[in-house]
PDB file of N, CA and C in Angstrom:
ATOM      1  N   MET A   1      -1.184   3.269  -5.761  1.00  0.00           N
ATOM      2  CA  MET A   1      -1.475   1.892  -5.712  1.00  0.00           C
ATOM      3  C   MET A   1      -2.379   1.520  -6.821  1.00  0.00           C
ATOM      4  N   GLY A   2      -2.105   0.448  -7.452  1.00  0.00           N
ATOM      5  CA  GLY A   2      -2.885   0.051  -8.516  1.00  0.00           C
ATOM      6  C   GLY A   2      -4.436  -0.343  -8.073  1.00  0.00           C
ATOM      7  N   LYS A   3      -5.389  -0.004  -8.961  1.00  0.00           N
ATOM      8  CA  LYS A   3      -6.848  -0.170  -8.498  1.00  0.00           C
ATOM      9  C   LYS A   3      -7.102  -1.645  -8.121  1.00  0.00           C
ATOM     10  N   SER A   4      -6.514  -2.621  -8.881  1.00  0.00           N
ATOM     11  CA  SER A   4      -6.860  -4.110  -8.586  1.00  0.00           C
ATOM     12  C   SER A   4      -6.126  -4.296  -7.117  1.00  0.00           C
ATOM     13  N   ILE A   5      -5.023  -3.822  -6.861  1.00  0.00           N
ATOM     14  CA  ILE A   5      -4.537  -4.190  -5.573  1.00  0.00           C
ATOM     15  C   ILE A   5      -5.291  -3.516  -4.439  1.00  0.00           C
ATOM     16  N   GLN A   6      -5.683  -2.315  -4.787  1.00  0.00           N
ATOM     17  CA  GLN A   6      -6.625  -1.506  -3.684  1.00  0.00           C
ATOM     18  C   GLN A   6      -7.880  -2.344  -3.520  1.00  0.00           C
ATOM     19  N   ARG A   7      -8.485  -2.903  -4.547  1.00  0.00           N
ATOM     20  CA  ARG A   7      -9.797  -3.547  -4.395  1.00  0.00           C
ATOM     21  C   ARG A   7      -9.485  -4.849  -3.583  1.00  0.00           C
ATOM     22  N   GLU A   8      -8.475  -5.469  -3.849  1.00  0.00           N
ATOM     23  CA  GLU A   8      -8.091  -6.788  -3.177  1.00  0.00           C
ATOM     24  C   GLU A   8      -7.918  -6.454  -1.672  1.00  0.00           C
ATOM     25  N   ILE A   9      -7.213  -5.442  -1.254  1.00  0.00           N
ATOM     26  CA  ILE A   9      -6.967  -5.068   0.094  1.00  0.00           C
ATOM     27  C   ILE A   9      -8.331  -4.678   0.791  1.00  0.00           C
ATOM     28  N   GLU A  10      -9.202  -3.963  -0.089  1.00  0.00           N
ATOM     29  CA  GLU A  10     -10.477  -3.443   0.507  1.00  0.00           C
ATOM     30  C   GLU A  10     -11.424  -4.651   0.706  1.00  0.00           C
ATOM     31  N   SER A  11     -11.098  -5.765   0.130  1.00  0.00           N
ATOM     32  CA  SER A  11     -12.050  -6.926   0.317  1.00  0.00           C
ATOM     33  C   SER A  11     -11.870  -7.558   1.739  1.00  0.00           C
ATOM     34  N   TYR A  12     -10.788  -7.076   2.479  1.00  0.00           N
ATOM     35  CA  TYR A  12     -10.628  -7.506   3.843  1.00  0.00           C
ATOM     36  C   TYR A  12     -11.094  -6.481   4.889  1.00  0.00           C
ATOM     37  N   ARG A  13     -11.873  -5.628   4.346  1.00  0.00           N
ATOM     38  CA  ARG A  13     -12.439  -4.708   5.342  1.00  0.00           C
ATOM     39  C   ARG A  13     -13.329  -5.342   6.534  1.00  0.00           C
ATOM     40  N   ALA A  14     -12.979  -5.058   7.705  1.00  0.00           N
ATOM     41  CA  ALA A  14     -13.807  -5.569   8.767  1.00  0.00           C
ATOM     42  C   ALA A  14     -15.006  -4.826   9.072  1.00  0.00           C
ATOM     43  N   TYR A  15     -15.129  -3.566   8.639  1.00  0.00           N
ATOM     44  CA  TYR A  15     -16.267  -2.762   8.737  1.00  0.00           C
ATOM     45  C   TYR A  15     -16.417  -1.611   7.755  1.00  0.00           C
ATOM     46  N   GLU A  16     -17.498  -1.151   7.386  1.00  0.00           N
ATOM     47  CA  GLU A  16     -17.711  -0.082   6.514  1.00  0.00           C
ATOM     48  C   GLU A  16     -16.726   1.142   6.839  1.00  0.00           C
ATOM     49  N   GLY A  17     -16.071   1.658   5.921  1.00  0.00           N
ATOM     50  CA  GLY A  17     -15.264   2.840   6.145  1.00  0.00           C
ATOM     51  C   GLY A  17     -13.846   2.624   6.803  1.00  0.00           C
ATOM     52  N   GLU A  18     -13.442   1.285   6.992  1.00  0.00           N
ATOM     53  CA  GLU A  18     -12.177   1.013   7.630  1.00  0.00           C
ATOM     54  C   GLU A  18     -11.081   1.413   6.593  1.00  0.00           C
ATOM     55  N   SER A  19      -9.993   2.141   7.036  1.00  0.00           N
ATOM     56  CA  SER A  19      -9.101   2.737   6.171  1.00  0.00           C
ATOM     57  C   SER A  19      -8.133   1.621   5.674  1.00  0.00           C
ATOM     58  N   LEU A  20      -7.494   1.884   4.657  1.00  0.00           N
ATOM     59  CA  LEU A  20      -6.548   0.960   3.949  1.00  0.00           C
ATOM     60  C   LEU A  20      -5.408   0.682   5.038  1.00  0.00           C
ATOM     61  N   ASN A  21      -4.924   1.833   5.639  1.00  0.00           N
ATOM     62  CA  ASN A  21      -3.904   1.608   6.674  1.00  0.00           C
ATOM     63  C   ASN A  21      -4.304   0.674   7.756  1.00  0.00           C
ATOM     64  N   SER A  22      -5.575   0.863   8.259  1.00  0.00           N
ATOM     65  CA  SER A  22      -6.047  -0.105   9.295  1.00  0.00           C
ATOM     66  C   SER A  22      -6.255  -1.515   8.709  1.00  0.00           C
ATOM     67  N   ILE A  23      -6.666  -1.710   7.493  1.00  0.00           N
ATOM     68  CA  ILE A  23      -6.814  -3.046   6.996  1.00  0.00           C
ATOM     69  C   ILE A  23      -5.416  -3.782   6.949  1.00  0.00           C
ATOM     70  N   LEU A  24      -4.442  -3.131   6.420  1.00  0.00           N
ATOM     71  CA  LEU A  24      -3.170  -3.673   6.257  1.00  0.00           C
ATOM     72  C   LEU A  24      -2.502  -3.895   7.527  1.00  0.00           C
ATOM     73  N   THR A  25      -2.598  -3.086   8.423  1.00  0.00           N
ATOM     74  CA  THR A  25      -1.992  -3.139   9.856  1.00  0.00           C
ATOM     75  C   THR A  25      -2.493  -4.363  10.516  1.00  0.00           C
ATOM     76  N   ARG A  26      -3.960  -4.560  10.356  1.00  0.00           N
ATOM     77  CA  ARG A  26      -4.484  -5.761  11.051  1.00  0.00           C
ATOM     78  C   ARG A  26      -4.026  -7.018  10.354  1.00  0.00           C
ATOM     79  N   ILE A  27      -4.064  -7.093   8.993  1.00  0.00           N
ATOM     80  CA  ILE A  27      -3.586  -8.195   8.376  1.00  0.00           C
ATOM     81  C   ILE A  27      -2.154  -8.565   8.517  1.00  0.00           C
ATOM     82  N   LEU A  28      -1.327  -7.554   8.563  1.00  0.00           N
ATOM     83  CA  LEU A  28       0.082  -7.853   8.656  1.00  0.00           C
ATOM     84  C   LEU A  28       0.474  -8.218  10.075  1.00  0.00           C
ATOM     85  N   LYS A  29      -0.383  -7.722  11.198  1.00  0.00           N
ATOM     86  CA  LYS A  29       0.030  -8.058  12.481  1.00  0.00           C
ATOM     87  C   LYS A  29      -0.254  -9.629  12.695  1.00  0.00           C
ATOM     88  N   ASP A  30      -0.900 -10.189  11.861  1.00  0.00           N
ATOM     89  CA  ASP A  30      -1.220 -11.566  11.967  1.00  0.00           C
ATOM     90  C   ASP A  30      -0.081 -12.447  11.292  1.00  0.00           C
ATOM     91  N   ASP A  31       0.863 -11.833  10.711  1.00  0.00           N
ATOM     92  CA  ASP A  31       1.829 -12.649   9.926  1.00  0.00           C
ATOM     93  C   ASP A  31       3.119 -12.537  10.814  1.00  0.00           C
ATOM     94  N   PRO A  32       3.575 -13.658  11.390  1.00  0.00           N
ATOM     95  CA  PRO A  32       4.785 -13.616  12.331  1.00  0.00           C
ATOM     96  C   PRO A  32       6.063 -13.307  11.596  1.00  0.00           C
ATOM     97  N   ASP A  33       6.113 -13.266  10.267  1.00  0.00           N
ATOM     98  CA  ASP A  33       7.381 -12.905   9.636  1.00  0.00           C
ATOM     99  C   ASP A  33       7.445 -11.350   9.243  1.00  0.00           C
ATOM    100  N   ILE A  34       6.488 -10.695   9.676  1.00  0.00           N
ATOM    101  CA  ILE A  34       6.466  -9.266   9.450  1.00  0.00           C
ATOM    102  C   ILE A  34       6.640  -8.502  10.774  1.00  0.00           C
ATOM    103  N   GLY A  35       7.648  -7.700  10.865  1.00  0.00           N
ATOM    104  CA  GLY A  35       7.932  -7.023  12.057  1.00  0.00           C
ATOM    105  C   GLY A  35       7.149  -5.578  12.150  1.00  0.00           C
ATOM    106  N   SER A  36       7.325  -4.851  13.342  1.00  0.00           N
ATOM    107  CA  SER A  36       6.655  -3.554  13.381  1.00  0.00           C
ATOM    108  C   SER A  36       7.444  -2.455  12.494  1.00  0.00           C
ATOM    109  N   GLU A  37       8.754  -2.769  12.261  1.00  0.00           N
ATOM    110  CA  GLU A  37       9.298  -1.781  11.241  1.00  0.00           C
ATOM    111  C   GLU A  37       8.775  -1.943   9.891  1.00  0.00           C
ATOM    112  N   ASP A  38       8.506  -3.288   9.436  1.00  0.00           N
ATOM    113  CA  ASP A  38       7.842  -3.507   8.242  1.00  0.00           C
ATOM    114  C   ASP A  38       6.585  -2.860   8.090  1.00  0.00           C
ATOM    115  N   ILE A  39       5.758  -2.979   9.070  1.00  0.00           N
ATOM    116  CA  ILE A  39       4.445  -2.461   9.046  1.00  0.00           C
ATOM    117  C   ILE A  39       4.445  -0.962   9.097  1.00  0.00           C
ATOM    118  N   SER A  40       5.437  -0.306   9.780  1.00  0.00           N
ATOM    119  CA  SER A  40       5.641   1.215   9.855  1.00  0.00           C
ATOM    120  C   SER A  40       5.969   1.721   8.412  1.00  0.00           C
ATOM    121  N   GLY A  41       6.895   0.991   7.643  1.00  0.00           N
ATOM    122  CA  GLY A  41       7.285   1.240   6.265  1.00  0.00           C
ATOM    123  C   GLY A  41       6.100   1.243   5.322  1.00  0.00           C
ATOM    124  N   ILE A  42       5.308   0.149   5.476  1.00  0.00           N
ATOM    125  CA  ILE A  42       4.144   0.006   4.570  1.00  0.00           C
ATOM    126  C   ILE A  42       3.206   1.187   4.832  1.00  0.00           C
ATOM    127  N   VAL A  43       2.863   1.520   6.093  1.00  0.00           N
ATOM    128  CA  VAL A  43       2.016   2.606   6.440  1.00  0.00           C
ATOM    129  C   VAL A  43       2.529   3.838   5.892  1.00  0.00           C
ATOM    130  N   ARG A  44       3.848   4.115   5.967  1.00  0.00           N
ATOM    131  CA  ARG A  44       4.351   5.303   5.374  1.00  0.00           C
ATOM    132  C   ARG A  44       4.207   5.427   3.870  1.00  0.00           C
ATOM    133  N   GLY A  45       4.498   4.222   3.231  1.00  0.00           N
ATOM    134  CA  GLY A  45       4.318   4.147   1.884  1.00  0.00           C
ATOM    135  C   GLY A  45       2.911   4.502   1.383  1.00  0.00           C
ATOM    136  N   LEU A  46       1.980   3.881   2.135  1.00  0.00           N
ATOM    137  CA  LEU A  46       0.639   4.179   1.866  1.00  0.00           C
ATOM    138  C   LEU A  46       0.182   5.606   1.943  1.00  0.00           C
ATOM    139  N   ALA A  47       0.670   6.264   3.095  1.00  0.00           N
ATOM    140  CA  ALA A  47       0.599   7.710   3.258  1.00  0.00           C
ATOM    141  C   ALA A  47       1.209   8.494   2.107  1.00  0.00           C
ATOM    142  N   ASP A  48       2.348   8.090   1.562  1.00  0.00           N
ATOM    143  CA  ASP A  48       2.897   8.711   0.404  1.00  0.00           C
ATOM    144  C   ASP A  48       1.984   8.641  -0.839  1.00  0.00           C
ATOM    145  N   ILE A  49       1.349   7.423  -1.052  1.00  0.00           N
ATOM    146  CA  ILE A  49       0.504   7.211  -2.087  1.00  0.00           C
ATOM    147  C   ILE A  49      -0.788   8.024  -2.083  1.00  0.00           C
ATOM    148  N   GLU A  50      -1.294   8.084  -0.969  1.00  0.00           N
ATOM    149  CA  GLU A  50      -2.524   8.922  -0.594  1.00  0.00           C
ATOM    150  C   GLU A  50      -2.324  10.435  -0.850  1.00  0.00           C
ATOM    151  N   ALA A  51      -0.986  10.811  -0.506  1.00  0.00           N
ATOM    152  CA  ALA A  51      -0.626  12.218  -0.618  1.00  0.00           C
ATOM    153  C   ALA A  51      -0.173  12.595  -2.010  1.00  0.00           C
ATOM    154  N   GLY A  52      -0.117  11.536  -2.927  1.00  0.00           N
ATOM    155  CA  GLY A  52       0.292  11.745  -4.242  1.00  0.00           C
ATOM    156  C   GLY A  52       1.742  11.749  -4.493  1.00  0.00           C
ATOM    157  N   ARG A  53       2.598  11.398  -3.433  1.00  0.00           N
ATOM    158  CA  ARG A  53       4.013  11.404  -3.523  1.00  0.00           C
ATOM    159  C   ARG A  53       4.519  10.117  -4.187  1.00  0.00           C
ATOM    160  N   VAL A  54       4.175   9.848  -5.440  1.00  0.00           N
ATOM    161  CA  VAL A  54       4.382   8.640  -6.245  1.00  0.00           C
ATOM    162  C   VAL A  54       4.882   9.058  -7.599  1.00  0.00           C
ATOM    163  N   THR A  55       5.614   8.021  -8.301  1.00  0.00           N
ATOM    164  CA  THR A  55       5.949   8.191  -9.650  1.00  0.00           C
ATOM    165  C   THR A  55       5.449   6.939 -10.310  1.00  0.00           C
ATOM    166  N   SER A  56       4.782   6.975 -11.346  1.00  0.00           N
ATOM    167  CA  SER A  56       4.046   5.847 -12.061  1.00  0.00           C
ATOM    168  C   SER A  56       5.224   5.079 -12.725  1.00  0.00           C
ATOM    169  N   HIS A  57       4.909   3.849 -12.974  1.00  0.00           N
ATOM    170  CA  HIS A  57       5.899   2.823 -13.511  1.00  0.00           C
ATOM    171  C   HIS A  57       6.248   3.409 -14.924  1.00  0.00           C
ATOM    172  N   GLU A  58       5.260   3.858 -15.659  1.00  0.00           N
ATOM    173  CA  GLU A  58       5.487   4.313 -16.987  1.00  0.00           C
ATOM    174  C   GLU A  58       6.465   5.557 -16.972  1.00  0.00           C
ATOM    175  N   ASP A  59       6.282   6.464 -16.021  1.00  0.00           N
ATOM    176  CA  ASP A  59       7.158   7.548 -15.833  1.00  0.00           C
ATOM    177  C   ASP A  59       8.628   7.141 -15.591  1.00  0.00           C
ATOM    178  N   VAL A  60       8.796   6.185 -14.753  1.00  0.00           N
ATOM    179  CA  VAL A  60      10.193   5.714 -14.332  1.00  0.00           C
ATOM    180  C   VAL A  60      10.832   5.049 -15.629  1.00  0.00           C
ATOM    181  N   MET A  61       9.988   4.305 -16.335  1.00  0.00           N
ATOM    182  CA  MET A  61      10.547   3.639 -17.469  1.00  0.00           C
ATOM    183  C   MET A  61      10.996   4.770 -18.536  1.00  0.00           C
ATOM    184  N   LYS A  62      10.206   5.790 -18.777  1.00  0.00           N
ATOM    185  CA  LYS A  62      10.673   6.852 -19.619  1.00  0.00           C
ATOM    186  C   LYS A  62      11.883   7.539 -19.127  1.00  0.00           C
ATOM    187  N   GLU A  63      11.962   7.842 -17.778  1.00  0.00           N
ATOM    188  CA  GLU A  63      13.140   8.501 -17.254  1.00  0.00           C
ATOM    189  C   GLU A  63      14.472   7.824 -17.492  1.00  0.00           C
ATOM    190  N   PHE A  64      14.366   6.455 -17.454  1.00  0.00           N
ATOM    191  CA  PHE A  64      15.603   5.646 -17.701  1.00  0.00           C
ATOM    192  C   PHE A  64      15.712   5.098 -19.103  1.00  0.00           C
ATOM    193  N   GLY A  65      14.842   5.612 -19.891  1.00  0.00           N
ATOM    194  CA  GLY A  65      14.905   5.270 -21.364  1.00  0.00           C
ATOM    195  C   GLY A  65      14.535   3.806 -21.638  1.00  0.00           C
ATOM    196  N   LEU A  66      13.682   3.176 -20.741  1.00  0.00           N
ATOM    197  CA  LEU A  66      13.409   1.693 -20.921  1.00  0.00           C
ATOM    198  C   LEU A  66      11.997   1.437 -21.556  1.00  0.00           C
ATOM    199  N   GLU A  67      11.475   2.431 -22.094  1.00  0.00           N
ATOM    200  CA  GLU A  67      10.088   2.142 -22.698  1.00  0.00           C
ATOM    201  C   GLU A  67      10.109   1.599 -24.003  1.00  0.00           C
TER     202      GLU A  67
END
């Protein structure tokens, strides 16, 4: 996750130490267009990011010869 996006999400913290997953889940539950499957997918994606299971935009561009 980009640092600017992370800072934006963290600005919605309800209390000190609230996790990113908790913040996003709380925000997204207030959006009637987002269902529980969407939220689960986002939470899984965040877990992948936190575990380092990501590929940078730059690496993807290099892989496909688009740099």
